[in-house]
Amino acid sequence: MSQTARVMRFASLFLTFVFAATIGVRADSVGLQNLEIETSSGSHKLSVEIMTTPDQLERGLMFRKYMPEDRGMLFDFKVEAPIMMWMKNTYISLDMIFINKDGVVTGVAENAEPLSEAIIPSNGPIQAVLEINAGVAAKLGVKKGDTIRSPVLAK
């Protein structure tokens, strides 16, 4: 194979990887952590991406077209404060679970409208937001007072 052909092949593979990462096809290439939701229906395990940096917190699930049902994204704001979320550039309908520093669910916003710039408030101080596919919170029976166990939340 010529040097030019090798460079073209590498460039093609690189661009394919970048494109796939951008649209979330390979979301599992990001480090995942286990998370457990305790509800009245039992314990439910998910694998989640943890967002902690300002860039990660801002981007979240934007531009992704798919997320497996057993996955989610946990936004860790590190301190408790009122938080406002939105769905700008987010193609997947989501449920947002608001969580305090002790891992207790303080509220659930179900079926957030994709691509909406409407503000979704936490309605009080929280440390984290768990985003999962729309309908999963209802399927699991997640409600205010339930418990979330994750390495980023207090035990």
C-alpha atoms as a PDB file:
ATOM      1  CA  MET A   1       0.000   0.000   0.000  1.00  0.00           C
ATOM      2  CA  SER A   2       1.414   3.409  -0.951  1.00  0.00           C
ATOM      3  CA  GLN A   3       2.083   6.137   1.581  1.00  0.00           C
ATOM      4  CA  THR A   4      -0.737   8.230   0.083  1.00  0.00           C
ATOM      5  CA  ALA A   5      -3.189   5.332   0.328  1.00  0.00           C
ATOM      6  CA  ARG A   6      -2.216   4.764   3.978  1.00  0.00           C
ATOM      7  CA  VAL A   7      -2.695   8.437   4.815  1.00  0.00           C
ATOM      8  CA  MET A   8      -6.102   8.458   3.060  1.00  0.00           C
ATOM      9  CA  ARG A   9      -7.168   5.289   4.889  1.00  0.00           C
ATOM     10  CA  PHE A  10      -6.083   6.721   8.238  1.00  0.00           C
ATOM     11  CA  ALA A  11      -7.887   9.998   7.521  1.00  0.00           C
ATOM     12  CA  SER A  12     -11.042   8.101   6.556  1.00  0.00           C
ATOM     13  CA  LEU A  13     -10.964   5.993   9.736  1.00  0.00           C
ATOM     14  CA  PHE A  14     -10.250   9.051  11.874  1.00  0.00           C
ATOM     15  CA  LEU A  15     -13.151  11.016  10.372  1.00  0.00           C
ATOM     16  CA  THR A  16     -15.462   8.023  10.806  1.00  0.00           C
ATOM     17  CA  PHE A  17     -14.480   7.803  14.486  1.00  0.00           C
ATOM     18  CA  VAL A  18     -14.969  11.549  15.034  1.00  0.00           C
ATOM     19  CA  PHE A  19     -18.370  11.473  13.308  1.00  0.00           C
ATOM     20  CA  ALA A  20     -19.518   8.440  15.312  1.00  0.00           C
ATOM     21  CA  ALA A  21     -18.382  10.019  18.589  1.00  0.00           C
ATOM     22  CA  THR A  22     -20.147  13.254  17.735  1.00  0.00           C
ATOM     23  CA  ILE A  23     -23.526  11.609  17.132  1.00  0.00           C
ATOM     24  CA  GLY A  24     -23.156   9.222  20.042  1.00  0.00           C
ATOM     25  CA  VAL A  25     -22.971   5.963  18.113  1.00  0.00           C
ATOM     26  CA  ARG A  26     -20.041   4.971  20.297  1.00  0.00           C
ATOM     27  CA  ALA A  27     -21.239   6.479  23.564  1.00  0.00           C
ATOM     28  CA  ASP A  28     -20.014   3.294  25.239  1.00  0.00           C
ATOM     29  CA  SER A  29     -16.444   4.286  24.408  1.00  0.00           C
ATOM     30  CA  VAL A  30     -16.780   6.862  27.210  1.00  0.00           C
ATOM     31  CA  GLY A  31     -16.028   5.522  30.678  1.00  0.00           C
ATOM     32  CA  LEU A  32     -19.206   4.218  32.272  1.00  0.00           C
ATOM     33  CA  GLN A  33     -19.953   3.874  35.976  1.00  0.00           C
ATOM     34  CA  ASN A  34     -22.594   1.820  37.710  1.00  0.00           C
ATOM     35  CA  LEU A  35     -25.557   3.581  39.262  1.00  0.00           C
ATOM     36  CA  GLU A  36     -28.409   2.073  41.243  1.00  0.00           C
ATOM     37  CA  ILE A  37     -31.909   3.476  41.680  1.00  0.00           C
ATOM     38  CA  GLU A  38     -33.878   2.222  44.692  1.00  0.00           C
ATOM     39  CA  THR A  39     -37.630   2.541  44.148  1.00  0.00           C
ATOM     40  CA  SER A  40     -40.718   0.911  45.650  1.00  0.00           C
ATOM     41  CA  SER A  41     -40.518  -1.586  42.758  1.00  0.00           C
ATOM     42  CA  GLY A  42     -36.970  -2.629  43.697  1.00  0.00           C
ATOM     43  CA  SER A  43     -33.386  -1.895  42.770  1.00  0.00           C
ATOM     44  CA  HIS A  44     -32.588  -0.899  39.180  1.00  0.00           C
ATOM     45  CA  LYS A  45     -29.058  -0.747  37.755  1.00  0.00           C
ATOM     46  CA  LEU A  46     -27.882   1.555  34.983  1.00  0.00           C
ATOM     47  CA  SER A  47     -24.533   2.339  33.408  1.00  0.00           C
ATOM     48  CA  VAL A  48     -23.976   6.085  33.269  1.00  0.00           C
ATOM     49  CA  GLU A  49     -21.538   8.592  31.898  1.00  0.00           C
ATOM     50  CA  ILE A  50     -20.486  11.070  34.585  1.00  0.00           C
ATOM     51  CA  MET A  51     -20.326  14.722  33.534  1.00  0.00           C
ATOM     52  CA  THR A  52     -18.251  16.967  35.821  1.00  0.00           C
ATOM     53  CA  THR A  53     -16.311  19.538  33.792  1.00  0.00           C
ATOM     54  CA  PRO A  54     -17.932  22.767  32.588  1.00  0.00           C
ATOM     55  CA  ASP A  55     -17.713  21.597  28.954  1.00  0.00           C
ATOM     56  CA  GLN A  56     -19.249  18.201  29.796  1.00  0.00           C
ATOM     57  CA  LEU A  57     -22.011  19.777  31.891  1.00  0.00           C
ATOM     58  CA  GLU A  58     -22.867  22.152  29.053  1.00  0.00           C
ATOM     59  CA  ARG A  59     -22.828  19.564  26.251  1.00  0.00           C
ATOM     60  CA  GLY A  60     -24.459  16.593  27.987  1.00  0.00           C
ATOM     61  CA  LEU A  61     -26.438  14.481  25.513  1.00  0.00           C
ATOM     62  CA  MET A  62     -26.566  17.176  22.832  1.00  0.00           C
ATOM     63  CA  PHE A  63     -26.389  15.894  19.251  1.00  0.00           C
ATOM     64  CA  ARG A  64     -26.823  12.238  20.228  1.00  0.00           C
ATOM     65  CA  LYS A  65     -29.423  10.284  18.283  1.00  0.00           C
ATOM     66  CA  TYR A  66     -29.597   7.184  20.491  1.00  0.00           C
ATOM     67  CA  MET A  67     -28.976   5.952  24.020  1.00  0.00           C
ATOM     68  CA  PRO A  68     -29.579   2.352  25.165  1.00  0.00           C
ATOM     69  CA  GLU A  69     -32.408   1.973  27.719  1.00  0.00           C
ATOM     70  CA  ASP A  70     -30.022   0.740  30.428  1.00  0.00           C
ATOM     71  CA  ARG A  71     -27.801   3.807  30.092  1.00  0.00           C
ATOM     72  CA  GLY A  72     -27.919   7.357  31.312  1.00  0.00           C
ATOM     73  CA  MET A  73     -25.905  10.452  32.000  1.00  0.00           C
ATOM     74  CA  LEU A  74     -25.275  11.821  35.487  1.00  0.00           C
ATOM     75  CA  PHE A  75     -24.472  15.516  35.774  1.00  0.00           C
ATOM     76  CA  ASP A  76     -22.475  16.120  38.969  1.00  0.00           C
ATOM     77  CA  PHE A  77     -22.482  19.809  39.896  1.00  0.00           C
ATOM     78  CA  LYS A  78     -20.390  19.004  43.013  1.00  0.00           C
ATOM     79  CA  VAL A  79     -22.338  21.401  45.284  1.00  0.00           C
ATOM     80  CA  GLU A  80     -26.028  21.773  45.978  1.00  0.00           C
ATOM     81  CA  ALA A  81     -27.719  24.657  44.196  1.00  0.00           C
ATOM     82  CA  PRO A  82     -30.866  25.276  42.166  1.00  0.00           C
ATOM     83  CA  ILE A  83     -30.207  24.040  38.604  1.00  0.00           C
ATOM     84  CA  MET A  84     -31.885  24.780  35.292  1.00  0.00           C
ATOM     85  CA  MET A  85     -31.676  22.344  32.382  1.00  0.00           C
ATOM     86  CA  TRP A  86     -32.877  22.506  28.772  1.00  0.00           C
ATOM     87  CA  MET A  87     -33.041  20.302  25.698  1.00  0.00           C
ATOM     88  CA  LYS A  88     -31.308  22.563  23.168  1.00  0.00           C
ATOM     89  CA  ASN A  89     -29.629  20.424  20.481  1.00  0.00           C
ATOM     90  CA  THR A  90     -30.779  17.251  22.251  1.00  0.00           C
ATOM     91  CA  TYR A  91     -32.542  14.845  19.881  1.00  0.00           C
ATOM     92  CA  ILE A  92     -33.514  12.170  22.411  1.00  0.00           C
ATOM     93  CA  SER A  93     -36.601  12.706  24.584  1.00  0.00           C
ATOM     94  CA  LEU A  94     -35.453  12.398  28.187  1.00  0.00           C
ATOM     95  CA  ASP A  95     -36.562  12.036  31.776  1.00  0.00           C
ATOM     96  CA  MET A  96     -34.560  14.174  34.218  1.00  0.00           C
ATOM     97  CA  ILE A  97     -34.177  13.008  37.795  1.00  0.00           C
ATOM     98  CA  PHE A  98     -33.057  15.695  40.253  1.00  0.00           C
ATOM     99  CA  ILE A  99     -30.902  14.409  43.130  1.00  0.00           C
ATOM    100  CA  ASN A 100     -29.605  16.021  46.335  1.00  0.00           C
ATOM    101  CA  LYS A 101     -26.134  15.491  47.844  1.00  0.00           C
ATOM    102  CA  ASP A 102     -27.404  12.527  49.878  1.00  0.00           C
ATOM    103  CA  GLY A 103     -28.599  10.700  46.760  1.00  0.00           C
ATOM    104  CA  VAL A 104     -32.282  11.365  47.410  1.00  0.00           C
ATOM    105  CA  VAL A 105     -34.549  12.122  44.446  1.00  0.00           C
ATOM    106  CA  THR A 106     -36.058  15.591  44.903  1.00  0.00           C
ATOM    107  CA  GLY A 107     -38.051  15.635  41.670  1.00  0.00           C
ATOM    108  CA  VAL A 108     -38.591  14.075  38.249  1.00  0.00           C
ATOM    109  CA  ALA A 109     -39.231  15.897  34.958  1.00  0.00           C
ATOM    110  CA  GLU A 110     -40.622  13.325  32.532  1.00  0.00           C
ATOM    111  CA  ASN A 111     -40.656  13.337  28.724  1.00  0.00           C
ATOM    112  CA  ALA A 112     -38.611  16.489  28.124  1.00  0.00           C
ATOM    113  CA  GLU A 113     -39.269  17.712  24.587  1.00  0.00           C
ATOM    114  CA  PRO A 114     -36.323  17.256  22.195  1.00  0.00           C
ATOM    115  CA  LEU A 115     -34.707  20.437  20.829  1.00  0.00           C
ATOM    116  CA  SER A 116     -36.691  22.660  23.210  1.00  0.00           C
ATOM    117  CA  GLU A 117     -35.133  25.697  24.837  1.00  0.00           C
ATOM    118  CA  ALA A 118     -37.763  25.694  27.585  1.00  0.00           C
ATOM    119  CA  ILE A 119     -36.159  25.815  31.027  1.00  0.00           C
ATOM    120  CA  ILE A 120     -36.598  22.734  33.228  1.00  0.00           C
ATOM    121  CA  PRO A 121     -35.917  23.833  36.829  1.00  0.00           C
ATOM    122  CA  SER A 122     -34.841  21.629  39.713  1.00  0.00           C
ATOM    123  CA  ASN A 123     -37.261  23.504  42.002  1.00  0.00           C
ATOM    124  CA  GLY A 124     -34.725  23.561  44.819  1.00  0.00           C
ATOM    125  CA  PRO A 125     -31.074  22.849  45.558  1.00  0.00           C
ATOM    126  CA  ILE A 126     -29.630  19.670  44.075  1.00  0.00           C
ATOM    127  CA  GLN A 127     -26.164  18.242  43.410  1.00  0.00           C
ATOM    128  CA  ALA A 128     -26.901  16.056  40.403  1.00  0.00           C
ATOM    129  CA  VAL A 129     -29.251  15.373  37.520  1.00  0.00           C
ATOM    130  CA  LEU A 130     -29.687  11.910  36.027  1.00  0.00           C
ATOM    131  CA  GLU A 131     -30.868  11.919  32.408  1.00  0.00           C
ATOM    132  CA  ILE A 132     -32.412   8.712  31.089  1.00  0.00           C
ATOM    133  CA  ASN A 133     -34.559   7.898  28.083  1.00  0.00           C
ATOM    134  CA  ALA A 134     -38.114   9.262  28.248  1.00  0.00           C
ATOM    135  CA  GLY A 135     -40.490   6.785  29.847  1.00  0.00           C
ATOM    136  CA  VAL A 136     -37.830   4.909  31.820  1.00  0.00           C
ATOM    137  CA  ALA A 137     -38.525   6.837  35.058  1.00  0.00           C
ATOM    138  CA  ALA A 138     -42.200   5.808  34.899  1.00  0.00           C
ATOM    139  CA  LYS A 139     -41.288   2.236  33.934  1.00  0.00           C
ATOM    140  CA  LEU A 140     -38.995   1.977  36.994  1.00  0.00           C
ATOM    141  CA  GLY A 141     -41.429   3.867  39.224  1.00  0.00           C
ATOM    142  CA  VAL A 142     -38.947   6.628  40.106  1.00  0.00           C
ATOM    143  CA  LYS A 143     -40.459   9.272  42.381  1.00  0.00           C
ATOM    144  CA  LYS A 144     -39.526  11.925  44.905  1.00  0.00           C
ATOM    145  CA  GLY A 145     -37.885  10.345  47.969  1.00  0.00           C
ATOM    146  CA  ASP A 146     -36.303   7.394  46.106  1.00  0.00           C
ATOM    147  CA  THR A 147     -32.561   6.820  46.464  1.00  0.00           C
ATOM    148  CA  ILE A 148     -29.770   6.936  43.883  1.00  0.00           C
ATOM    149  CA  ARG A 149     -26.487   5.194  44.658  1.00  0.00           C
ATOM    150  CA  SER A 150     -23.459   6.328  42.692  1.00  0.00           C
ATOM    151  CA  PRO A 151     -19.759   6.833  43.439  1.00  0.00           C
ATOM    152  CA  VAL A 152     -20.209  10.605  43.000  1.00  0.00           C
ATOM    153  CA  LEU A 153     -22.983  10.925  45.606  1.00  0.00           C
ATOM    154  CA  ALA A 154     -22.648  10.608  49.384  1.00  0.00           C
ATOM    155  CA  LYS A 155     -23.247   7.162  50.742  1.00  0.00           C
END
